[in-house]
N, C-alpha and C. Protein backbone atom coordinates (compact mmCIF):
# COMPACT_ATOMS: atom_id res chain seq x y z
N MET A 1 -13.51 46.52 23.21
CA MET A 1 -13.82 45.14 22.94
C MET A 1 -12.90 44.62 21.85
N SER A 2 -12.48 43.43 22.06
CA SER A 2 -11.63 42.85 21.02
C SER A 2 -12.38 41.73 20.31
N HIS A 3 -12.10 41.66 19.05
CA HIS A 3 -12.74 40.63 18.23
C HIS A 3 -11.77 39.46 18.12
N PRO A 4 -12.23 38.23 18.44
CA PRO A 4 -11.29 37.10 18.34
C PRO A 4 -10.86 36.86 16.89
N ILE A 5 -9.59 36.71 16.73
CA ILE A 5 -9.05 36.47 15.39
C ILE A 5 -9.06 34.98 15.13
N GLU A 6 -9.71 34.59 14.05
CA GLU A 6 -9.77 33.17 13.71
C GLU A 6 -8.68 32.86 12.69
N THR A 7 -7.89 31.93 13.04
CA THR A 7 -6.86 31.50 12.08
C THR A 7 -7.40 30.29 11.34
N ARG A 8 -7.19 30.30 10.06
CA ARG A 8 -7.65 29.19 9.25
C ARG A 8 -6.69 28.02 9.42
N THR A 9 -7.25 26.85 9.51
CA THR A 9 -6.40 25.67 9.59
C THR A 9 -5.84 25.41 8.20
N PRO A 10 -4.59 25.06 8.13
CA PRO A 10 -4.01 24.81 6.81
C PRO A 10 -4.68 23.61 6.14
N ALA A 11 -4.91 23.75 4.88
CA ALA A 11 -5.55 22.68 4.13
C ALA A 11 -4.58 21.51 3.97
N ARG A 12 -5.12 20.32 4.13
CA ARG A 12 -4.28 19.14 3.94
C ARG A 12 -3.94 19.00 2.46
N PRO A 13 -2.70 18.74 2.18
CA PRO A 13 -2.33 18.60 0.77
C PRO A 13 -2.96 17.34 0.18
N LYS A 14 -3.47 17.49 -1.03
CA LYS A 14 -4.04 16.34 -1.72
C LYS A 14 -2.90 15.55 -2.35
N ARG A 15 -2.74 14.34 -1.90
CA ARG A 15 -1.70 13.49 -2.46
C ARG A 15 -2.30 12.59 -3.52
N PRO A 16 -1.53 12.28 -4.52
CA PRO A 16 -2.03 11.32 -5.50
C PRO A 16 -2.25 9.95 -4.86
N PHE A 17 -2.99 9.12 -5.53
CA PHE A 17 -3.36 7.80 -5.01
C PHE A 17 -2.14 6.99 -4.61
N PHE A 18 -1.10 7.05 -5.42
CA PHE A 18 0.06 6.20 -5.16
C PHE A 18 0.96 6.74 -4.07
N LEU A 19 0.65 7.87 -3.48
CA LEU A 19 1.44 8.40 -2.37
C LEU A 19 0.68 8.39 -1.04
N ARG A 20 -0.48 7.74 -1.01
CA ARG A 20 -1.22 7.63 0.24
C ARG A 20 -1.04 6.24 0.83
N ARG A 21 -0.91 6.17 2.14
CA ARG A 21 -0.56 4.92 2.78
C ARG A 21 -1.69 3.90 2.77
N GLY A 22 -2.88 4.30 3.09
CA GLY A 22 -3.99 3.36 3.25
C GLY A 22 -4.26 2.49 2.02
N PRO A 23 -4.53 3.10 0.87
CA PRO A 23 -4.81 2.28 -0.31
C PRO A 23 -3.62 1.44 -0.76
N MET A 24 -2.42 1.97 -0.63
CA MET A 24 -1.25 1.23 -1.09
C MET A 24 -0.92 0.06 -0.16
N GLU A 25 -1.19 0.20 1.15
CA GLU A 25 -1.01 -0.94 2.04
C GLU A 25 -1.98 -2.05 1.69
N THR A 26 -3.19 -1.68 1.29
CA THR A 26 -4.17 -2.68 0.89
C THR A 26 -3.70 -3.42 -0.36
N ILE A 27 -3.17 -2.69 -1.33
CA ILE A 27 -2.68 -3.31 -2.56
C ILE A 27 -1.50 -4.24 -2.23
N ALA A 28 -0.60 -3.80 -1.36
CA ALA A 28 0.54 -4.64 -0.99
C ALA A 28 0.08 -5.91 -0.28
N THR A 29 -0.92 -5.80 0.58
CA THR A 29 -1.44 -6.97 1.27
C THR A 29 -2.09 -7.94 0.29
N VAL A 30 -2.81 -7.41 -0.69
CA VAL A 30 -3.42 -8.27 -1.71
C VAL A 30 -2.34 -8.98 -2.53
N LEU A 31 -1.25 -8.27 -2.84
CA LEU A 31 -0.14 -8.91 -3.56
C LEU A 31 0.48 -10.05 -2.75
N ILE A 32 0.63 -9.85 -1.47
CA ILE A 32 1.19 -10.90 -0.62
C ILE A 32 0.25 -12.11 -0.60
N GLY A 33 -1.04 -11.85 -0.44
CA GLY A 33 -2.02 -12.94 -0.45
C GLY A 33 -2.05 -13.67 -1.79
N LEU A 34 -1.97 -12.92 -2.87
CA LEU A 34 -1.95 -13.52 -4.20
C LEU A 34 -0.70 -14.39 -4.39
N GLY A 35 0.42 -13.93 -3.86
CA GLY A 35 1.64 -14.72 -3.92
C GLY A 35 1.51 -16.04 -3.18
N PHE A 36 0.85 -16.02 -2.01
CA PHE A 36 0.64 -17.27 -1.28
C PHE A 36 -0.29 -18.21 -2.04
N LEU A 37 -1.35 -17.66 -2.61
CA LEU A 37 -2.25 -18.50 -3.40
C LEU A 37 -1.53 -19.12 -4.59
N MET A 38 -0.70 -18.32 -5.24
CA MET A 38 0.07 -18.84 -6.37
C MET A 38 1.06 -19.91 -5.92
N LEU A 39 1.60 -19.77 -4.73
CA LEU A 39 2.58 -20.72 -4.22
C LEU A 39 1.94 -22.07 -3.89
N PHE A 40 0.71 -22.06 -3.38
CA PHE A 40 0.08 -23.28 -2.90
C PHE A 40 -0.78 -23.99 -3.93
N GLN A 41 -0.93 -23.43 -5.12
CA GLN A 41 -1.75 -24.12 -6.12
C GLN A 41 -0.89 -25.17 -6.82
N PRO A 42 -1.46 -26.34 -7.11
CA PRO A 42 -0.65 -27.44 -7.65
C PRO A 42 -0.74 -27.62 -9.16
N PHE A 43 -1.40 -26.73 -9.89
CA PHE A 43 -1.73 -27.04 -11.27
C PHE A 43 -0.80 -26.39 -12.30
N LEU A 44 -0.50 -25.13 -12.17
CA LEU A 44 0.28 -24.43 -13.19
C LEU A 44 1.67 -24.09 -12.65
N LEU A 45 2.67 -24.56 -13.37
CA LEU A 45 4.05 -24.31 -12.96
C LEU A 45 4.42 -22.83 -13.11
N VAL A 46 3.81 -22.15 -14.07
CA VAL A 46 4.10 -20.71 -14.28
C VAL A 46 3.69 -19.90 -13.06
N LEU A 47 2.50 -20.19 -12.52
CA LEU A 47 2.07 -19.46 -11.33
C LEU A 47 2.98 -19.76 -10.14
N TYR A 48 3.38 -21.01 -10.01
CA TYR A 48 4.29 -21.37 -8.92
C TYR A 48 5.63 -20.67 -9.08
N THR A 49 6.11 -20.55 -10.32
CA THR A 49 7.40 -19.92 -10.57
C THR A 49 7.39 -18.45 -10.18
N TYR A 50 6.32 -17.73 -10.53
CA TYR A 50 6.26 -16.30 -10.25
C TYR A 50 5.70 -15.98 -8.87
N SER A 51 5.37 -16.98 -8.08
CA SER A 51 4.80 -16.71 -6.77
C SER A 51 5.83 -16.03 -5.85
N GLN A 52 7.08 -16.46 -5.92
CA GLN A 52 8.08 -15.85 -5.05
C GLN A 52 8.37 -14.40 -5.43
N VAL A 53 8.32 -14.10 -6.72
CA VAL A 53 8.50 -12.72 -7.17
C VAL A 53 7.35 -11.86 -6.65
N THR A 54 6.12 -12.40 -6.73
CA THR A 54 4.95 -11.67 -6.26
C THR A 54 5.02 -11.45 -4.75
N LEU A 55 5.40 -12.47 -4.01
CA LEU A 55 5.55 -12.32 -2.56
C LEU A 55 6.60 -11.27 -2.21
N LEU A 56 7.72 -11.31 -2.89
CA LEU A 56 8.78 -10.36 -2.61
C LEU A 56 8.36 -8.93 -2.95
N MET A 57 7.69 -8.76 -4.10
CA MET A 57 7.21 -7.43 -4.47
C MET A 57 6.22 -6.89 -3.45
N GLY A 58 5.29 -7.72 -3.00
CA GLY A 58 4.31 -7.30 -2.01
C GLY A 58 4.95 -6.93 -0.68
N THR A 59 5.92 -7.72 -0.27
CA THR A 59 6.59 -7.46 1.01
C THR A 59 7.40 -6.17 0.97
N VAL A 60 8.18 -6.00 -0.09
CA VAL A 60 8.98 -4.78 -0.22
C VAL A 60 8.07 -3.56 -0.36
N MET A 61 7.00 -3.70 -1.13
CA MET A 61 6.05 -2.59 -1.28
C MET A 61 5.43 -2.23 0.06
N PHE A 62 5.07 -3.23 0.87
CA PHE A 62 4.47 -2.95 2.18
C PHE A 62 5.46 -2.25 3.09
N ILE A 63 6.71 -2.65 3.06
CA ILE A 63 7.73 -2.01 3.92
C ILE A 63 7.92 -0.55 3.51
N ILE A 64 7.97 -0.29 2.21
CA ILE A 64 8.17 1.08 1.74
C ILE A 64 6.94 1.94 2.01
N VAL A 65 5.76 1.40 1.71
CA VAL A 65 4.53 2.20 1.83
C VAL A 65 4.19 2.47 3.30
N SER A 66 4.59 1.59 4.20
CA SER A 66 4.26 1.83 5.61
C SER A 66 4.98 3.05 6.17
N LYS A 67 5.97 3.57 5.44
CA LYS A 67 6.67 4.78 5.86
C LYS A 67 6.00 6.06 5.34
N PHE A 68 5.02 5.91 4.43
CA PHE A 68 4.33 7.08 3.87
C PHE A 68 3.45 7.74 4.94
N PRO A 69 3.21 9.04 4.81
CA PRO A 69 2.29 9.70 5.75
C PRO A 69 0.84 9.28 5.48
N GLU A 70 0.01 9.44 6.46
CA GLU A 70 -1.41 9.08 6.34
C GLU A 70 -2.08 9.77 5.22
């Protein structure tokens, strides 16, 4: 009689928060939304000025993070 040999499945490596795709895509999406809100508000010129920087950061972050593993 032979005993079936059980192979252990390799443990998934624990990645730090900033190297996981799911949470970072959410943060990038929130940055993009915040940039749009800053762009469309009519009251503060400072928010309007930095809205394009926020939109660009969110977009670039989303493009980079979407390449991360799950």
